[in-house]
Every structure is written in structure tokens, then in C-alpha cells.
Amino acid sequence: MSAKEFSYNGPGHAAAQLRHLTIRQLRSLAALSAKGSVTAASGQLGLTQPAVTQQLRQLQDLAGLPLVQRTGDGMLLTEAGKEVLALAERVEAAIMDCQGALDLLAGRTGGTVHLGAVSTAKYFVPHAIAAFSKRHPKIEIKLTIGNREEIREAMHGYDLDFAVMGRPPADVSVDVRQLGRNPHIIVARKGHWLGKDSGLNLTDLVHETFLTREPGSGTRTLMEGMFQRSDLEPIIGMEMSSNETIKQAVIAGLGIAFISAHTVAHELAEGRLIVLDVAGLPIVRQWYVIRRSDKVLLPPAQAMFDFLGSEGSNYLPDVPEFGAQ
């Protein structure tokens, strides 16, 4: 194969024809460049010499310029050949990246996902993680739990791949997938004197002591907004950074609490807590899985983001019918 075998087909020929090249043609050129002869290239590729020569000739025809030349040192690439070889290298790299991505998605190789969640979501997020991990056992999940303000601040950076929370941050451009309903209720210990009353108003609760999360919590913010709209102010007895502590304190009779129904599903089902029948409740918000719009997710994170978006609602706790004390 030499430059004499080349025929020029006019301007625009290469641009029009190169889109028809094949991986085998590119690999034939790469092998020829590495080995210096068609014979050695055919041995590397496991093809016959005529087959490699045909692939090179076809590639040269598509390129519209001579790609190789004979020298005393063997077959060398022309400047045009070097350009096509660079294309071959980029194509091979893209193939390797794609294969790596497919391996990650199939769980054949490992990867790490950095997931954030507000503390109220910890009652269902671990179950969703467990289900995902069964499908992708080699992908490591790193879970960060915090209140809404902490997770919102974390979303300003790029350390988290995405987060599960009840309300998207307003100051960050995000992509959102809805997970499901997040009802908020007021609970009291079993036997509380308001438990038998129906149609309560917030004014009936102004003398009750509320046990609540710390400032910065989404639940605390939602509760304060509820009272402010009625020009009322609740009595705050204790501030706690844990929903578990709040639940135990309510069960112990230290006060009542405005809380996500998902955090008290077991206690309601077991009868250790009751739902107070208050007008306007439950306040229903939504659970979301949120990522920064400009955050590029690697395949493991994208797989879990899609999983939560399509199946995350399956892991939300069942809650009793409200009003059934």
C-alpha cells in the first residue's frame, strides 16, 4: 500500500466520508503504527495480511489523503495518518470509559456514592440504600445525616452527589425527583387529655408544652410557620437535635410534638403515641431527591439517583389513618 494507490476525490470528501469508518479500520491503522509493517500488524490483530491491507485501503479512501508511506524504516504514518491515529486513540478511550460505566452500573466494579439526608429521612433512606446495594453490591454508599440547614449548606458544594430532603433549597439550582408524601402531625402520649377531643384548633394547644427540634430544622421551621399564620406562639419546652429523643420525651409525658408522621410510624402503630385531631393537619409536604444542576454524576451515583426517583417511594414508612386514636 502506497501513496500511488491513493486517489483524491475533491474538497469535502473526507468530511462526508469519515463518518462511515469502522473500529476495525482504526485498529488496523493503530496496529500498523505500533508494529511498522502489515505483517506484524496482522499478527497483533489476529487477521490475515490481505484483510489488514484492505482495512487500511478502505480507511485511506474514506480519509481522502494518504495515511501511510513506505520508508527504509518500514511503514510510517503521514501527517494525515497521525491525525486519524489520534482519532483512533480517542475512540478507544471513549470505548473504555463506556465499558467502565457499564461495569459500574452492572455492579461488576466498585464505585462510591455520597448521599446526604435530613435527619427525618433516616427512617426510610437506609431501607432504600439496602435495596439498592442488593442490586449493586460493589458500590459503596456514604451517608451524611444533618438537619435541613446543614444539608442545604452541603448542597452549596460538590461533595454530596445528591440529597434527600423535604424542600429544595431556593438558592441553589437543582434537579429534583419527587419521592412521595411527607405528612406532619401533632402527637401526644397515650392517654393524653386532648386525645379524646376531635376538631381541635391551634388555640386549644397554646397552653401545651411543645418538644421540638433545634432552629435550622425543617420541621421546626414548618411548625413555626403554622403558628405564625394563626398569630399564635407555641410554648417551647425543650429543643432537641434528635427525633428519637423527642419521641421518647413525648412518651414520657414531657409535652407534645409537631413531627413528621414517618418518624413516629412504629410508635403510632404500637399505640405508644396518638395523633391529636387538629384542624388543618396533617400538613403534607413532599420528599425529594435533589442534585445540583451542574453536578456531574458518575455512573454509580446516577444509578442510585434514578433508583430513588423511580422506586424510593416504596420505602416510605406506612402511617396509620389519621384521627384513629
C-alpha atoms as a PDB file:
ATOM      1  CA  MET A   1       0.000   0.000   0.000  1.00  0.00           C
ATOM      2  CA  SER A   2       1.499   3.330  -1.019  1.00  0.00           C
ATOM      3  CA  ALA A   3       0.606   6.884  -1.882  1.00  0.00           C
ATOM      4  CA  LYS A   4       0.330   5.846  -5.563  1.00  0.00           C
ATOM      5  CA  GLU A   5      -2.738   3.794  -4.669  1.00  0.00           C
ATOM      6  CA  PHE A   6      -4.466   6.920  -3.347  1.00  0.00           C
ATOM      7  CA  SER A   7      -6.959   8.872  -5.430  1.00  0.00           C
ATOM      8  CA  TYR A   8      -8.234  12.295  -4.398  1.00  0.00           C
ATOM      9  CA  ASN A   9     -11.993  12.867  -4.608  1.00  0.00           C
ATOM     10  CA  GLY A  10     -12.269  16.627  -4.182  1.00  0.00           C
ATOM     11  CA  PRO A  11     -12.971  19.091  -1.348  1.00  0.00           C
ATOM     12  CA  GLY A  12     -15.316  17.934   1.369  1.00  0.00           C
ATOM     13  CA  HIS A  13     -14.750  14.265   0.581  1.00  0.00           C
ATOM     14  CA  ALA A  14     -13.174  13.434   3.967  1.00  0.00           C
ATOM     15  CA  ALA A  15     -15.774  15.301   5.993  1.00  0.00           C
ATOM     16  CA  ALA A  16     -18.529  13.462   4.165  1.00  0.00           C
ATOM     17  CA  GLN A  17     -16.945  10.008   4.235  1.00  0.00           C
ATOM     18  CA  LEU A  18     -15.102   9.694   7.567  1.00  0.00           C
ATOM     19  CA  ARG A  19     -18.391   9.178   9.383  1.00  0.00           C
ATOM     20  CA  HIS A  20     -18.525   5.781   7.675  1.00  0.00           C
ATOM     21  CA  LEU A  21     -15.231   4.500   9.089  1.00  0.00           C
ATOM     22  CA  THR A  22     -15.183   1.433  11.343  1.00  0.00           C
ATOM     23  CA  ILE A  23     -13.435   0.474  14.558  1.00  0.00           C
ATOM     24  CA  ARG A  24     -11.633  -2.333  12.712  1.00  0.00           C
ATOM     25  CA  GLN A  25     -10.163   0.163  10.250  1.00  0.00           C
ATOM     26  CA  LEU A  26      -8.926   2.410  13.043  1.00  0.00           C
ATOM     27  CA  ARG A  27      -7.423  -0.522  14.902  1.00  0.00           C
ATOM     28  CA  SER A  28      -5.629  -1.656  11.744  1.00  0.00           C
ATOM     29  CA  LEU A  29      -4.017   1.768  11.446  1.00  0.00           C
ATOM     30  CA  ALA A  30      -3.069   1.795  15.147  1.00  0.00           C
ATOM     31  CA  ALA A  31      -1.509  -1.668  14.870  1.00  0.00           C
ATOM     32  CA  LEU A  32       0.431  -0.658  11.745  1.00  0.00           C
ATOM     33  CA  SER A  33       1.766   2.414  13.546  1.00  0.00           C
ATOM     34  CA  ALA A  34       2.824   0.327  16.533  1.00  0.00           C
ATOM     35  CA  LYS A  35       4.380  -2.546  14.629  1.00  0.00           C
ATOM     36  CA  GLY A  36       5.730  -0.857  11.481  1.00  0.00           C
ATOM     37  CA  SER A  37       4.557  -3.484   9.000  1.00  0.00           C
ATOM     38  CA  VAL A  38       1.337  -5.058   7.759  1.00  0.00           C
ATOM     39  CA  THR A  39       2.692  -8.496   8.653  1.00  0.00           C
ATOM     40  CA  ALA A  40       3.309  -7.591  12.282  1.00  0.00           C
ATOM     41  CA  ALA A  41       0.031  -5.664  12.482  1.00  0.00           C
ATOM     42  CA  SER A  42      -1.910  -8.665  11.210  1.00  0.00           C
ATOM     43  CA  GLY A  43      -0.304 -10.828  13.875  1.00  0.00           C
ATOM     44  CA  GLN A  44      -1.312  -8.383  16.610  1.00  0.00           C
ATOM     45  CA  LEU A  45      -4.881  -8.169  15.352  1.00  0.00           C
ATOM     46  CA  GLY A  46      -5.324 -11.853  14.585  1.00  0.00           C
ATOM     47  CA  LEU A  47      -6.227 -11.085  10.964  1.00  0.00           C
ATOM     48  CA  THR A  48      -4.692 -12.082   7.643  1.00  0.00           C
ATOM     49  CA  GLN A  49      -2.349  -9.683   5.859  1.00  0.00           C
ATOM     50  CA  PRO A  50      -4.810  -9.142   2.978  1.00  0.00           C
ATOM     51  CA  ALA A  51      -7.561  -8.326   5.496  1.00  0.00           C
ATOM     52  CA  VAL A  52      -5.419  -5.690   7.222  1.00  0.00           C
ATOM     53  CA  THR A  53      -4.356  -4.227   3.859  1.00  0.00           C
ATOM     54  CA  GLN A  54      -7.993  -3.989   2.813  1.00  0.00           C
ATOM     55  CA  GLN A  55      -8.955  -2.226   6.076  1.00  0.00           C
ATOM     56  CA  LEU A  56      -6.131   0.295   5.620  1.00  0.00           C
ATOM     57  CA  ARG A  57      -7.007   0.936   1.989  1.00  0.00           C
ATOM     58  CA  GLN A  58     -10.654   1.498   2.853  1.00  0.00           C
ATOM     59  CA  LEU A  59      -9.713   3.877   5.651  1.00  0.00           C
ATOM     60  CA  GLN A  60      -7.415   5.851   3.353  1.00  0.00           C
ATOM     61  CA  ASP A  61     -10.183   6.130   0.764  1.00  0.00           C
ATOM     62  CA  LEU A  62     -12.531   7.488   3.409  1.00  0.00           C
ATOM     63  CA  ALA A  63      -9.931   9.949   4.690  1.00  0.00           C
ATOM     64  CA  GLY A  64      -9.214  11.315   1.224  1.00  0.00           C
ATOM     65  CA  LEU A  65      -5.485  11.664   1.963  1.00  0.00           C
ATOM     66  CA  PRO A  66      -2.515   9.281   2.123  1.00  0.00           C
ATOM     67  CA  LEU A  67      -2.257   7.848   5.631  1.00  0.00           C
ATOM     68  CA  VAL A  68       0.950   5.749   5.368  1.00  0.00           C
ATOM     69  CA  GLN A  69       4.180   5.775   3.418  1.00  0.00           C
ATOM     70  CA  ARG A  70       6.938   3.265   2.896  1.00  0.00           C
ATOM     71  CA  THR A  71      10.392   4.176   4.197  1.00  0.00           C
ATOM     72  CA  GLY A  72      13.604   2.395   4.862  1.00  0.00           C
ATOM     73  CA  ASP A  73      12.422   2.027   8.434  1.00  0.00           C
ATOM     74  CA  GLY A  74       9.132   0.442   7.464  1.00  0.00           C
ATOM     75  CA  MET A  75       5.598   1.784   7.090  1.00  0.00           C
ATOM     76  CA  LEU A  76       5.231   5.176   8.740  1.00  0.00           C
ATOM     77  CA  LEU A  77       2.204   7.412   9.181  1.00  0.00           C
ATOM     78  CA  THR A  78       1.840  10.632   7.242  1.00  0.00           C
ATOM     79  CA  GLU A  79       0.605  13.790   8.954  1.00  0.00           C
ATOM     80  CA  ALA A  80      -2.905  12.803   7.903  1.00  0.00           C
ATOM     81  CA  GLY A  81      -2.305   9.322   9.277  1.00  0.00           C
ATOM     82  CA  LYS A  82      -1.252  10.773  12.619  1.00  0.00           C
ATOM     83  CA  GLU A  83      -4.477  12.769  12.766  1.00  0.00           C
ATOM     84  CA  VAL A  84      -6.535   9.650  12.147  1.00  0.00           C
ATOM     85  CA  LEU A  85      -4.430   7.748  14.702  1.00  0.00           C
ATOM     86  CA  ALA A  86      -5.273  10.437  17.290  1.00  0.00           C
ATOM     87  CA  LEU A  87      -8.935   9.866  16.441  1.00  0.00           C
ATOM     88  CA  ALA A  88      -8.434   6.128  16.948  1.00  0.00           C
ATOM     89  CA  GLU A  89      -6.926   6.756  20.377  1.00  0.00           C
ATOM     90  CA  ARG A  90      -9.841   8.982  21.387  1.00  0.00           C
ATOM     91  CA  VAL A  91     -12.323   6.385  20.204  1.00  0.00           C
ATOM     92  CA  GLU A  92     -10.567   3.636  22.160  1.00  0.00           C
ATOM     93  CA  ALA A  93     -10.565   5.838  25.275  1.00  0.00           C
ATOM     94  CA  ALA A  94     -14.282   6.522  24.841  1.00  0.00           C
ATOM     95  CA  ILE A  95     -14.940   2.804  24.490  1.00  0.00           C
ATOM     96  CA  MET A  96     -13.005   2.113  27.678  1.00  0.00           C
ATOM     97  CA  ASP A  97     -14.922   4.846  29.530  1.00  0.00           C
ATOM     98  CA  CYS A  98     -18.207   3.431  28.314  1.00  0.00           C
ATOM     99  CA  GLN A  99     -17.189  -0.087  29.339  1.00  0.00           C
ATOM    100  CA  GLY A 100     -16.213   1.180  32.763  1.00  0.00           C
ATOM    101  CA  ALA A 101     -19.552   2.949  33.119  1.00  0.00           C
ATOM    102  CA  LEU A 102     -21.453  -0.183  32.128  1.00  0.00           C
ATOM    103  CA  ASP A 103     -19.414  -2.268  34.567  1.00  0.00           C
ATOM    104  CA  LEU A 104     -20.231   0.173  37.356  1.00  0.00           C
ATOM    105  CA  LEU A 105     -23.917   0.119  36.541  1.00  0.00           C
ATOM    106  CA  ALA A 106     -23.897  -3.661  36.403  1.00  0.00           C
ATOM    107  CA  GLY A 107     -22.100  -3.850  39.742  1.00  0.00           C
ATOM    108  CA  ARG A 108     -19.088  -5.606  38.235  1.00  0.00           C
ATOM    109  CA  THR A 109     -16.749  -2.970  39.586  1.00  0.00           C
ATOM    110  CA  GLY A 110     -16.932  -0.648  42.544  1.00  0.00           C
ATOM    111  CA  GLY A 111     -17.757   2.979  42.980  1.00  0.00           C
ATOM    112  CA  THR A 112     -18.769   5.386  45.697  1.00  0.00           C
ATOM    113  CA  VAL A 113     -21.948   7.418  46.125  1.00  0.00           C
ATOM    114  CA  HIS A 114     -22.070  10.364  48.546  1.00  0.00           C
ATOM    115  CA  LEU A 115     -25.649  10.747  49.731  1.00  0.00           C
ATOM    116  CA  GLY A 116     -26.980  13.364  52.138  1.00  0.00           C
ATOM    117  CA  ALA A 117     -30.274  13.173  54.004  1.00  0.00           C
ATOM    118  CA  VAL A 118     -32.094  15.327  56.520  1.00  0.00           C
ATOM    119  CA  SER A 119     -32.440  13.581  59.861  1.00  0.00           C
ATOM    120  CA  THR A 120     -36.165  12.913  59.439  1.00  0.00           C
ATOM    121  CA  ALA A 121     -35.396  10.895  56.293  1.00  0.00           C
ATOM    122  CA  LYS A 122     -33.224   8.423  58.202  1.00  0.00           C
ATOM    123  CA  TYR A 123     -36.334   6.370  58.922  1.00  0.00           C
ATOM    124  CA  PHE A 124     -36.564   5.226  55.316  1.00  0.00           C
ATOM    125  CA  VAL A 125     -33.350   6.121  53.467  1.00  0.00           C
ATOM    126  CA  PRO A 126     -31.354   3.173  54.953  1.00  0.00           C
ATOM    127  CA  HIS A 127     -34.011   0.763  53.643  1.00  0.00           C
ATOM    128  CA  ALA A 128     -33.708   2.256  50.169  1.00  0.00           C
ATOM    129  CA  ILE A 129     -29.906   2.014  50.393  1.00  0.00           C
ATOM    130  CA  ALA A 130     -30.170  -1.662  51.378  1.00  0.00           C
ATOM    131  CA  ALA A 131     -32.370  -2.410  48.370  1.00  0.00           C
ATOM    132  CA  PHE A 132     -30.017  -0.581  46.002  1.00  0.00           C
ATOM    133  CA  SER A 133     -26.972  -2.332  47.476  1.00  0.00           C
ATOM    134  CA  LYS A 134     -28.512  -5.733  46.777  1.00  0.00           C
ATOM    135  CA  ARG A 135     -28.511  -4.866  43.090  1.00  0.00           C
ATOM    136  CA  HIS A 136     -25.103  -3.173  43.154  1.00  0.00           C
ATOM    137  CA  PRO A 137     -23.128  -4.877  45.934  1.00  0.00           C
ATOM    138  CA  LYS A 138     -19.781  -3.376  44.891  1.00  0.00           C
ATOM    139  CA  ILE A 139     -20.932   0.240  45.084  1.00  0.00           C
ATOM    140  CA  GLU A 140     -20.130   1.910  48.405  1.00  0.00           C
ATOM    141  CA  ILE A 141     -22.679   4.347  49.837  1.00  0.00           C
ATOM    142  CA  LYS A 142     -21.516   7.113  52.165  1.00  0.00           C
ATOM    143  CA  LEU A 143     -24.468   8.643  54.020  1.00  0.00           C
ATOM    144  CA  THR A 144     -24.361  12.076  55.685  1.00  0.00           C
ATOM    145  CA  ILE A 145     -27.223  12.937  58.073  1.00  0.00           C
ATOM    146  CA  GLY A 146     -27.954  16.507  59.177  1.00  0.00           C
ATOM    147  CA  ASN A 147     -30.756  18.950  59.737  1.00  0.00           C
ATOM    148  CA  ARG A 148     -32.185  20.874  56.811  1.00  0.00           C
ATOM    149  CA  GLU A 149     -29.803  23.812  57.201  1.00  0.00           C
ATOM    150  CA  GLU A 150     -26.759  21.542  57.325  1.00  0.00           C
ATOM    151  CA  ILE A 151     -27.799  19.600  54.234  1.00  0.00           C
ATOM    152  CA  ARG A 152     -28.701  22.830  52.428  1.00  0.00           C
ATOM    153  CA  GLU A 153     -25.221  24.177  53.147  1.00  0.00           C
ATOM    154  CA  ALA A 154     -23.674  20.932  51.931  1.00  0.00           C
ATOM    155  CA  MET A 155     -25.560  21.326  48.642  1.00  0.00           C
ATOM    156  CA  HIS A 156     -23.655  24.561  48.030  1.00  0.00           C
ATOM    157  CA  GLY A 157     -20.558  22.451  47.454  1.00  0.00           C
ATOM    158  CA  TYR A 158     -19.925  19.393  45.350  1.00  0.00           C
ATOM    159  CA  ASP A 159     -19.047  16.808  47.980  1.00  0.00           C
ATOM    160  CA  LEU A 160     -22.572  15.355  48.007  1.00  0.00           C
ATOM    161  CA  ASP A 161     -23.789  13.666  44.845  1.00  0.00           C
ATOM    162  CA  PHE A 162     -27.377  14.340  45.881  1.00  0.00           C
ATOM    163  CA  ALA A 163     -29.572  14.649  48.963  1.00  0.00           C
ATOM    164  CA  VAL A 164     -32.956  13.540  50.280  1.00  0.00           C
ATOM    165  CA  MET A 165     -34.871  16.381  51.879  1.00  0.00           C
ATOM    166  CA  GLY A 166     -38.324  17.863  52.206  1.00  0.00           C
ATOM    167  CA  ARG A 167     -37.917  21.169  50.389  1.00  0.00           C
ATOM    168  CA  PRO A 168     -35.394  22.100  47.675  1.00  0.00           C
ATOM    169  CA  PRO A 169     -33.017  24.925  48.634  1.00  0.00           C
ATOM    170  CA  ALA A 170     -34.039  28.189  46.994  1.00  0.00           C
ATOM    171  CA  ASP A 171     -30.511  29.490  46.495  1.00  0.00           C
ATOM    172  CA  VAL A 172     -29.070  26.571  44.512  1.00  0.00           C
ATOM    173  CA  SER A 173     -30.054  25.481  41.011  1.00  0.00           C
ATOM    174  CA  VAL A 174     -31.106  21.846  41.383  1.00  0.00           C
ATOM    175  CA  ASP A 175     -32.658  18.909  39.551  1.00  0.00           C
ATOM    176  CA  VAL A 176     -35.428  17.306  41.574  1.00  0.00           C
ATOM    177  CA  ARG A 177     -37.132  13.909  41.685  1.00  0.00           C
ATOM    178  CA  GLN A 178     -40.219  13.542  43.869  1.00  0.00           C
ATOM    179  CA  LEU A 179     -40.236  10.580  46.241  1.00  0.00           C
ATOM    180  CA  GLY A 180     -43.607  10.814  47.977  1.00  0.00           C
ATOM    181  CA  ARG A 181     -45.794  12.487  50.585  1.00  0.00           C
ATOM    182  CA  ASN A 182     -44.385  13.643  53.913  1.00  0.00           C
ATOM    183  CA  PRO A 183     -47.316  14.323  56.314  1.00  0.00           C
ATOM    184  CA  HIS A 184     -46.688  16.321  59.506  1.00  0.00           C
ATOM    185  CA  ILE A 185     -48.878  15.820  62.573  1.00  0.00           C
ATOM    186  CA  ILE A 186     -49.037  16.647  66.268  1.00  0.00           C
ATOM    187  CA  VAL A 187     -48.539  13.683  68.569  1.00  0.00           C
ATOM    188  CA  ALA A 188     -49.051  13.140  72.295  1.00  0.00           C
ATOM    189  CA  ARG A 189     -48.532  10.265  74.730  1.00  0.00           C
ATOM    190  CA  LYS A 190     -51.182   7.615  75.002  1.00  0.00           C
ATOM    191  CA  GLY A 191     -53.920   8.777  77.384  1.00  0.00           C
ATOM    192  CA  HIS A 192     -53.274  12.494  76.895  1.00  0.00           C
ATOM    193  CA  TRP A 193     -56.296  14.537  77.975  1.00  0.00           C
ATOM    194  CA  LEU A 194     -56.730  16.028  74.451  1.00  0.00           C
ATOM    195  CA  GLY A 195     -56.689  12.627  72.825  1.00  0.00           C
ATOM    196  CA  LYS A 196     -60.450  12.137  73.052  1.00  0.00           C
ATOM    197  CA  ASP A 197     -61.303  15.519  71.557  1.00  0.00           C
ATOM    198  CA  SER A 198     -61.908  15.996  67.851  1.00  0.00           C
ATOM    199  CA  GLY A 199     -61.805  19.159  65.805  1.00  0.00           C
ATOM    200  CA  LEU A 200     -59.168  20.853  67.926  1.00  0.00           C
ATOM    201  CA  ASN A 201     -57.792  24.236  66.885  1.00  0.00           C
ATOM    202  CA  LEU A 202     -54.311  25.603  67.432  1.00  0.00           C
ATOM    203  CA  THR A 203     -55.771  27.881  70.103  1.00  0.00           C
ATOM    204  CA  ASP A 204     -56.573  24.726  72.091  1.00  0.00           C
ATOM    205  CA  LEU A 205     -52.858  23.949  72.160  1.00  0.00           C
ATOM    206  CA  VAL A 206     -51.363  27.277  73.204  1.00  0.00           C
ATOM    207  CA  HIS A 207     -51.081  26.146  76.837  1.00  0.00           C
ATOM    208  CA  GLU A 208     -49.425  22.847  75.887  1.00  0.00           C
ATOM    209  CA  THR A 209     -45.675  22.413  76.019  1.00  0.00           C
ATOM    210  CA  PHE A 210     -44.106  21.602  72.645  1.00  0.00           C
ATOM    211  CA  LEU A 211     -40.977  19.497  72.372  1.00  0.00           C
ATOM    212  CA  THR A 212     -39.223  20.487  69.160  1.00  0.00           C
ATOM    213  CA  ARG A 213     -36.151  20.258  67.004  1.00  0.00           C
ATOM    214  CA  GLU A 214     -33.400  22.858  67.034  1.00  0.00           C
ATOM    215  CA  PRO A 215     -33.541  26.026  64.900  1.00  0.00           C
ATOM    216  CA  GLY A 216     -32.482  25.146  61.361  1.00  0.00           C
ATOM    217  CA  SER A 217     -34.591  22.021  61.300  1.00  0.00           C
ATOM    218  CA  GLY A 218     -37.173  21.877  58.513  1.00  0.00           C
ATOM    219  CA  THR A 219     -39.781  20.508  60.928  1.00  0.00           C
ATOM    220  CA  ARG A 220     -39.148  23.369  63.368  1.00  0.00           C
ATOM    221  CA  THR A 221     -39.486  25.920  60.564  1.00  0.00           C
ATOM    222  CA  LEU A 222     -42.721  24.342  59.359  1.00  0.00           C
ATOM    223  CA  MET A 223     -44.195  24.353  62.869  1.00  0.00           C
ATOM    224  CA  GLU A 224     -43.282  27.982  63.493  1.00  0.00           C
ATOM    225  CA  GLY A 225     -44.858  28.985  60.189  1.00  0.00           C
ATOM    226  CA  MET A 226     -48.050  27.138  61.106  1.00  0.00           C
ATOM    227  CA  PHE A 227     -48.419  29.080  64.360  1.00  0.00           C
ATOM    228  CA  GLN A 228     -47.397  32.402  62.831  1.00  0.00           C
ATOM    229  CA  ARG A 229     -50.156  32.154  60.247  1.00  0.00           C
ATOM    230  CA  SER A 230     -52.633  31.967  63.146  1.00  0.00           C
ATOM    231  CA  ASP A 231     -50.906  34.806  65.052  1.00  0.00           C
ATOM    232  CA  LEU A 232     -50.070  32.361  67.843  1.00  0.00           C
ATOM    233  CA  GLU A 233     -46.875  31.412  69.588  1.00  0.00           C
ATOM    234  CA  PRO A 234     -46.275  27.918  70.962  1.00  0.00           C
ATOM    235  CA  ILE A 235     -44.710  27.224  74.318  1.00  0.00           C
ATOM    236  CA  ILE A 236     -41.349  25.585  73.636  1.00  0.00           C
ATOM    237  CA  GLY A 237     -40.367  23.287  76.464  1.00  0.00           C
ATOM    238  CA  MET A 238     -37.224  21.584  75.186  1.00  0.00           C
ATOM    239  CA  GLU A 239     -35.179  21.780  71.996  1.00  0.00           C
ATOM    240  CA  MET A 240     -33.685  18.506  70.846  1.00  0.00           C
ATOM    241  CA  SER A 241     -31.478  17.593  67.917  1.00  0.00           C
ATOM    242  CA  SER A 242     -32.894  14.074  67.609  1.00  0.00           C
ATOM    243  CA  ASN A 243     -36.349  12.892  66.607  1.00  0.00           C
ATOM    244  CA  GLU A 244     -35.729   9.786  68.701  1.00  0.00           C
ATOM    245  CA  THR A 245     -35.266  11.902  71.818  1.00  0.00           C
ATOM    246  CA  ILE A 246     -38.397  13.886  71.037  1.00  0.00           C
ATOM    247  CA  LYS A 247     -40.419  10.689  70.681  1.00  0.00           C
ATOM    248  CA  GLN A 248     -39.209   9.303  73.976  1.00  0.00           C
ATOM    249  CA  ALA A 249     -39.844  12.612  75.730  1.00  0.00           C
ATOM    250  CA  VAL A 250     -43.411  12.738  74.402  1.00  0.00           C
ATOM    251  CA  ILE A 251     -43.995   9.135  75.505  1.00  0.00           C
ATOM    252  CA  ALA A 252     -42.674  10.098  78.941  1.00  0.00           C
ATOM    253  CA  GLY A 253     -45.268  12.882  79.137  1.00  0.00           C
ATOM    254  CA  LEU A 254     -42.927  15.875  78.921  1.00  0.00           C
ATOM    255  CA  GLY A 255     -45.015  17.532  76.220  1.00  0.00           C
ATOM    256  CA  ILE A 256     -46.453  17.159  72.727  1.00  0.00           C
ATOM    257  CA  ALA A 257     -44.665  17.455  69.381  1.00  0.00           C
ATOM    258  CA  PHE A 258     -45.214  18.578  65.823  1.00  0.00           C
ATOM    259  CA  ILE A 259     -43.391  15.945  63.800  1.00  0.00           C
ATOM    260  CA  SER A 260     -43.241  14.040  60.521  1.00  0.00           C
ATOM    261  CA  ALA A 261     -45.563  11.048  60.639  1.00  0.00           C
ATOM    262  CA  HIS A 262     -42.809   8.924  59.127  1.00  0.00           C
ATOM    263  CA  THR A 263     -40.668   9.341  62.242  1.00  0.00           C
ATOM    264  CA  VAL A 264     -43.386   8.001  64.570  1.00  0.00           C
ATOM    265  CA  ALA A 265     -44.968   5.310  62.386  1.00  0.00           C
ATOM    266  CA  HIS A 266     -43.947   2.453  64.711  1.00  0.00           C
ATOM    267  CA  GLU A 267     -44.977   4.236  67.890  1.00  0.00           C
ATOM    268  CA  LEU A 268     -48.382   5.076  66.411  1.00  0.00           C
ATOM    269  CA  ALA A 269     -48.898   1.513  65.222  1.00  0.00           C
ATOM    270  CA  GLU A 270     -47.951   0.183  68.686  1.00  0.00           C
ATOM    271  CA  GLY A 271     -50.236   2.667  70.473  1.00  0.00           C
ATOM    272  CA  ARG A 272     -47.471   4.391  72.442  1.00  0.00           C
ATOM    273  CA  LEU A 273     -48.277   7.685  70.741  1.00  0.00           C
ATOM    274  CA  ILE A 274     -51.552   9.165  69.473  1.00  0.00           C
ATOM    275  CA  VAL A 275     -52.333  11.771  66.812  1.00  0.00           C
ATOM    276  CA  LEU A 276     -54.183  14.843  68.034  1.00  0.00           C
ATOM    277  CA  ASP A 277     -57.100  15.744  65.780  1.00  0.00           C
ATOM    278  CA  VAL A 278     -56.212  19.349  64.958  1.00  0.00           C
ATOM    279  CA  ALA A 279     -57.891  21.362  62.212  1.00  0.00           C
ATOM    280  CA  GLY A 280     -55.602  21.923  59.225  1.00  0.00           C
ATOM    281  CA  LEU A 281     -53.474  18.889  59.968  1.00  0.00           C
ATOM    282  CA  PRO A 282     -51.760  16.938  58.660  1.00  0.00           C
ATOM    283  CA  ILE A 283     -49.633  19.435  56.763  1.00  0.00           C
ATOM    284  CA  VAL A 284     -48.420  17.432  53.804  1.00  0.00           C
ATOM    285  CA  ARG A 285     -45.070  18.195  52.248  1.00  0.00           C
ATOM    286  CA  GLN A 286     -43.138  16.096  49.766  1.00  0.00           C
ATOM    287  CA  TRP A 287     -39.940  14.117  49.961  1.00  0.00           C
ATOM    288  CA  TYR A 288     -37.466  14.859  47.174  1.00  0.00           C
ATOM    289  CA  VAL A 289     -34.122  13.588  45.986  1.00  0.00           C
ATOM    290  CA  ILE A 290     -32.140  16.616  44.867  1.00  0.00           C
ATOM    291  CA  ARG A 291     -28.884  17.156  42.976  1.00  0.00           C
ATOM    292  CA  ARG A 292     -27.135  20.311  41.864  1.00  0.00           C
ATOM    293  CA  SER A 293     -27.948  21.037  38.228  1.00  0.00           C
ATOM    294  CA  ASP A 294     -24.262  21.464  37.422  1.00  0.00           C
ATOM    295  CA  LYS A 295     -23.136  18.392  39.370  1.00  0.00           C
ATOM    296  CA  VAL A 296     -21.875  15.697  37.006  1.00  0.00           C
ATOM    297  CA  LEU A 297     -22.855  12.335  38.446  1.00  0.00           C
ATOM    298  CA  LEU A 298     -20.608   9.370  37.819  1.00  0.00           C
ATOM    299  CA  PRO A 299     -22.433   6.183  36.805  1.00  0.00           C
ATOM    300  CA  PRO A 300     -22.830   4.753  40.356  1.00  0.00           C
ATOM    301  CA  ALA A 301     -24.374   7.996  41.638  1.00  0.00           C
ATOM    302  CA  GLN A 302     -26.565   8.367  38.563  1.00  0.00           C
ATOM    303  CA  ALA A 303     -27.795   4.804  39.032  1.00  0.00           C
ATOM    304  CA  MET A 304     -28.786   5.473  42.631  1.00  0.00           C
ATOM    305  CA  PHE A 305     -30.328   8.866  41.799  1.00  0.00           C
ATOM    306  CA  ASP A 306     -32.513   7.160  39.179  1.00  0.00           C
ATOM    307  CA  PHE A 307     -33.317   4.329  41.595  1.00  0.00           C
ATOM    308  CA  LEU A 308     -34.520   6.703  44.308  1.00  0.00           C
ATOM    309  CA  GLY A 309     -36.500   8.715  41.782  1.00  0.00           C
ATOM    310  CA  SER A 310     -38.339   5.684  40.447  1.00  0.00           C
ATOM    311  CA  GLU A 311     -38.537   3.380  43.479  1.00  0.00           C
ATOM    312  CA  GLY A 312     -37.765   5.468  46.566  1.00  0.00           C
ATOM    313  CA  SER A 313     -41.435   5.851  47.490  1.00  0.00           C
ATOM    314  CA  ASN A 314     -41.624   2.096  48.092  1.00  0.00           C
ATOM    315  CA  TYR A 315     -39.523   2.533  51.250  1.00  0.00           C
ATOM    316  CA  LEU A 316     -41.536   5.291  52.919  1.00  0.00           C
ATOM    317  CA  PRO A 317     -42.975   4.060  56.246  1.00  0.00           C
ATOM    318  CA  ASP A 318     -46.661   3.172  56.360  1.00  0.00           C
ATOM    319  CA  VAL A 319     -48.579   5.542  58.617  1.00  0.00           C
ATOM    320  CA  PRO A 320     -51.943   4.843  60.297  1.00  0.00           C
ATOM    321  CA  GLU A 321     -55.095   6.638  59.261  1.00  0.00           C
ATOM    322  CA  PHE A 322     -55.086   9.993  60.992  1.00  0.00           C
ATOM    323  CA  GLY A 323     -57.853  10.517  63.519  1.00  0.00           C
ATOM    324  CA  ALA A 324     -57.990   6.855  64.517  1.00  0.00           C
ATOM    325  CA  GLN A 325     -56.902   7.240  68.110  1.00  0.00           C
END
